[in-house]
Amino acid sequence: MMEELQHAQRCGGCAECGTCRVRVVAGKCTHPTHEELELFEMYPEQFGDGERLGCQARPLGDCILELPENESVDLRFDE
């Protein structure tokens, strides 16, 4: 059974802000996109193990995702 989640993403799904961060608990998703990898490299302290951008990660079957407890910081404006 597929459940669609509504999750914040301030940049409109362009992989620029990091607000749609999710953690993949189980299952597999597509490989990280170039844009995603750039954010991971620029802000390594903002991403934990197994975290992906919800706007970029596409499930390759059943997945279990964990949403952050607090709203994620918009990396475009993080100082």
N, C-alpha and C. Protein backbone atom coordinates (compact mmCIF):
# COMPACT_ATOMS: atom_id res chain seq x y z
N MET A 1 0.84 -1.18 0.00
CA MET A 1 0.00 0.00 0.00
C MET A 1 0.89 1.24 0.00
N MET A 2 0.65 2.13 -0.91
CA MET A 2 1.45 3.34 -1.02
C MET A 2 0.74 4.50 -0.34
N GLU A 3 1.50 5.21 0.49
CA GLU A 3 0.95 6.37 1.17
C GLU A 3 1.74 7.59 0.73
N GLU A 4 1.04 8.60 0.27
CA GLU A 4 1.69 9.83 -0.14
C GLU A 4 1.83 10.73 1.07
N LEU A 5 3.04 11.25 1.25
CA LEU A 5 3.31 12.15 2.37
C LEU A 5 3.39 13.58 1.90
N GLN A 6 2.83 14.48 2.66
CA GLN A 6 3.00 15.90 2.41
C GLN A 6 4.14 16.35 3.31
N HIS A 7 5.18 16.91 2.69
CA HIS A 7 6.37 17.28 3.45
C HIS A 7 6.90 18.60 2.91
N ALA A 8 7.29 19.48 3.80
CA ALA A 8 7.77 20.81 3.41
C ALA A 8 8.93 20.72 2.43
N GLN A 9 8.92 21.62 1.47
CA GLN A 9 10.05 21.78 0.54
C GLN A 9 9.94 23.19 -0.03
N ARG A 10 10.74 24.07 0.52
CA ARG A 10 10.62 25.49 0.22
C ARG A 10 11.14 25.90 -1.14
N CYS A 11 12.00 25.11 -1.78
CA CYS A 11 12.57 25.53 -3.06
C CYS A 11 11.79 24.99 -4.25
N GLY A 12 10.65 24.37 -3.99
CA GLY A 12 9.83 23.86 -5.08
C GLY A 12 10.36 22.57 -5.69
N GLY A 13 11.16 21.83 -4.94
CA GLY A 13 11.67 20.55 -5.42
C GLY A 13 12.91 20.65 -6.29
N CYS A 14 13.67 21.73 -6.14
CA CYS A 14 14.87 21.96 -6.97
C CYS A 14 16.17 21.53 -6.29
N ALA A 15 16.09 20.90 -5.13
CA ALA A 15 17.27 20.43 -4.38
C ALA A 15 18.21 21.57 -4.01
N GLU A 16 17.64 22.70 -3.59
CA GLU A 16 18.45 23.85 -3.23
C GLU A 16 18.41 24.20 -1.75
N CYS A 17 17.37 23.76 -1.03
CA CYS A 17 17.18 24.27 0.32
C CYS A 17 17.38 23.24 1.43
N GLY A 18 17.16 21.97 1.16
CA GLY A 18 17.32 20.93 2.17
C GLY A 18 16.17 20.80 3.14
N THR A 19 15.07 21.53 2.93
CA THR A 19 13.96 21.49 3.89
C THR A 19 13.13 20.20 3.78
N CYS A 20 13.29 19.46 2.72
CA CYS A 20 12.50 18.23 2.54
C CYS A 20 13.27 16.99 2.99
N ARG A 21 14.25 17.19 3.84
CA ARG A 21 15.09 16.09 4.32
C ARG A 21 14.27 14.96 4.94
N VAL A 22 14.60 13.74 4.59
CA VAL A 22 14.00 12.54 5.17
C VAL A 22 15.12 11.53 5.43
N ARG A 23 14.86 10.58 6.30
CA ARG A 23 15.82 9.49 6.52
C ARG A 23 15.19 8.21 6.01
N VAL A 24 15.92 7.50 5.16
CA VAL A 24 15.44 6.23 4.63
C VAL A 24 15.77 5.16 5.67
N VAL A 25 14.74 4.62 6.32
CA VAL A 25 14.90 3.62 7.37
C VAL A 25 15.01 2.23 6.77
N ALA A 26 14.19 1.97 5.76
CA ALA A 26 14.19 0.66 5.11
C ALA A 26 13.78 0.84 3.65
N GLY A 27 14.30 -0.02 2.81
CA GLY A 27 14.00 0.04 1.38
C GLY A 27 15.09 0.78 0.63
N LYS A 28 14.90 0.86 -0.67
CA LYS A 28 15.91 1.50 -1.52
C LYS A 28 15.27 2.61 -2.34
N CYS A 29 16.08 3.62 -2.58
CA CYS A 29 15.67 4.74 -3.43
C CYS A 29 16.71 4.90 -4.54
N THR A 30 16.37 5.73 -5.50
CA THR A 30 17.32 6.03 -6.57
C THR A 30 18.60 6.61 -5.96
N HIS A 31 19.68 6.58 -6.73
CA HIS A 31 20.94 7.15 -6.28
C HIS A 31 20.78 8.66 -6.11
N PRO A 32 21.55 9.26 -5.22
CA PRO A 32 21.48 10.72 -5.05
C PRO A 32 21.79 11.45 -6.35
N THR A 33 21.06 12.51 -6.60
CA THR A 33 21.28 13.32 -7.79
C THR A 33 22.50 14.20 -7.60
N HIS A 34 22.98 14.78 -8.67
CA HIS A 34 24.12 15.69 -8.62
C HIS A 34 23.84 16.85 -7.66
N GLU A 35 22.64 17.41 -7.74
CA GLU A 35 22.25 18.52 -6.88
C GLU A 35 22.25 18.11 -5.40
N GLU A 36 21.77 16.91 -5.14
CA GLU A 36 21.75 16.40 -3.77
C GLU A 36 23.18 16.24 -3.24
N LEU A 37 24.04 15.64 -4.05
CA LEU A 37 25.43 15.44 -3.64
C LEU A 37 26.14 16.76 -3.36
N GLU A 38 25.81 17.79 -4.14
CA GLU A 38 26.40 19.11 -3.90
C GLU A 38 25.99 19.65 -2.52
N LEU A 39 24.70 19.51 -2.16
CA LEU A 39 24.25 19.97 -0.84
C LEU A 39 24.92 19.17 0.26
N PHE A 40 25.03 17.84 0.09
CA PHE A 40 25.68 17.00 1.09
C PHE A 40 27.13 17.45 1.30
N GLU A 41 27.81 17.81 0.23
CA GLU A 41 29.20 18.24 0.30
C GLU A 41 29.33 19.64 0.93
N MET A 42 28.44 20.53 0.59
CA MET A 42 28.49 21.90 1.10
C MET A 42 28.08 21.99 2.58
N TYR A 43 27.18 21.12 3.02
CA TYR A 43 26.63 21.17 4.38
C TYR A 43 26.67 19.81 5.05
N PRO A 44 27.85 19.20 5.20
CA PRO A 44 27.91 17.84 5.75
C PRO A 44 27.35 17.73 7.17
N GLU A 45 27.44 18.81 7.96
CA GLU A 45 26.94 18.77 9.33
C GLU A 45 25.42 18.77 9.40
N GLN A 46 24.75 19.08 8.30
CA GLN A 46 23.29 19.16 8.27
C GLN A 46 22.62 17.83 7.90
N PHE A 47 23.40 16.87 7.41
CA PHE A 47 22.83 15.61 6.94
C PHE A 47 23.37 14.43 7.73
N GLY A 48 22.46 13.61 8.23
CA GLY A 48 22.84 12.42 8.97
C GLY A 48 22.88 11.20 8.06
N ASP A 49 23.31 10.07 8.62
CA ASP A 49 23.35 8.81 7.87
C ASP A 49 21.96 8.45 7.36
N GLY A 50 21.90 8.07 6.12
CA GLY A 50 20.65 7.63 5.52
C GLY A 50 19.71 8.75 5.13
N GLU A 51 20.13 10.01 5.32
CA GLU A 51 19.25 11.12 4.97
C GLU A 51 19.35 11.44 3.48
N ARG A 52 18.22 11.81 2.95
CA ARG A 52 18.09 12.18 1.54
C ARG A 52 17.17 13.37 1.45
N LEU A 53 17.12 13.95 0.25
CA LEU A 53 16.15 15.00 -0.03
C LEU A 53 14.90 14.32 -0.58
N GLY A 54 13.79 14.56 0.07
CA GLY A 54 12.54 13.95 -0.38
C GLY A 54 12.15 14.34 -1.79
N CYS A 55 12.59 15.52 -2.22
CA CYS A 55 12.23 15.99 -3.56
C CYS A 55 13.04 15.29 -4.65
N GLN A 56 14.11 14.59 -4.26
CA GLN A 56 14.99 13.95 -5.24
C GLN A 56 14.98 12.43 -5.16
N ALA A 57 14.83 11.88 -3.98
CA ALA A 57 14.86 10.43 -3.78
C ALA A 57 13.56 9.81 -4.29
N ARG A 58 13.67 8.86 -5.17
CA ARG A 58 12.50 8.15 -5.70
C ARG A 58 12.55 6.70 -5.24
N PRO A 59 11.50 6.22 -4.59
CA PRO A 59 11.49 4.84 -4.09
C PRO A 59 11.63 3.83 -5.22
N LEU A 60 12.37 2.77 -4.95
CA LEU A 60 12.51 1.67 -5.89
C LEU A 60 11.76 0.45 -5.35
N GLY A 61 10.66 0.69 -4.70
CA GLY A 61 9.86 -0.35 -4.06
C GLY A 61 9.33 0.22 -2.75
N ASP A 62 8.91 -0.66 -1.88
CA ASP A 62 8.42 -0.22 -0.58
C ASP A 62 9.55 0.38 0.23
N CYS A 63 9.29 1.51 0.87
CA CYS A 63 10.26 2.20 1.70
C CYS A 63 9.61 2.66 2.99
N ILE A 64 10.42 2.75 4.01
CA ILE A 64 9.99 3.37 5.26
C ILE A 64 10.87 4.59 5.44
N LEU A 65 10.22 5.74 5.58
CA LEU A 65 10.92 7.01 5.75
C LEU A 65 10.63 7.57 7.12
N GLU A 66 11.59 8.27 7.65
CA GLU A 66 11.41 8.97 8.93
C GLU A 66 11.53 10.46 8.65
N LEU A 67 10.54 11.20 9.09
CA LEU A 67 10.55 12.65 8.92
C LEU A 67 11.19 13.27 10.15
N PRO A 68 11.92 14.38 9.97
CA PRO A 68 12.53 15.04 11.13
C PRO A 68 11.46 15.52 12.11
N GLU A 69 11.82 15.51 13.40
CA GLU A 69 10.88 15.98 14.43
C GLU A 69 10.65 17.48 14.31
N ASN A 70 11.70 18.21 13.99
CA ASN A 70 11.60 19.67 13.85
C ASN A 70 11.74 20.03 12.38
N GLU A 71 11.20 21.17 12.02
CA GLU A 71 11.30 21.64 10.65
C GLU A 71 12.78 21.85 10.30
N SER A 72 13.19 21.38 9.14
CA SER A 72 14.57 21.51 8.70
C SER A 72 14.89 22.95 8.31
N VAL A 73 16.12 23.33 8.55
CA VAL A 73 16.62 24.67 8.23
C VAL A 73 16.75 24.81 6.73
N ASP A 74 16.35 25.96 6.21
CA ASP A 74 16.52 26.27 4.79
C ASP A 74 17.99 26.63 4.60
N LEU A 75 18.76 25.77 3.97
CA LEU A 75 20.20 25.94 3.82
C LEU A 75 20.57 27.16 2.99
N ARG A 76 19.66 27.65 2.20
CA ARG A 76 19.95 28.85 1.40
C ARG A 76 20.11 30.07 2.29
N PHE A 77 19.53 30.03 3.49
CA PHE A 77 19.55 31.18 4.39
C PHE A 77 20.21 30.89 5.71
N ASP A 78 20.82 29.72 5.85
CA ASP A 78 21.47 29.31 7.09
C ASP A 78 22.77 30.12 7.28
N GLU A 79 22.92 30.71 8.43
CA GLU A 79 24.14 31.49 8.68
C GLU A 79 24.82 31.00 9.91
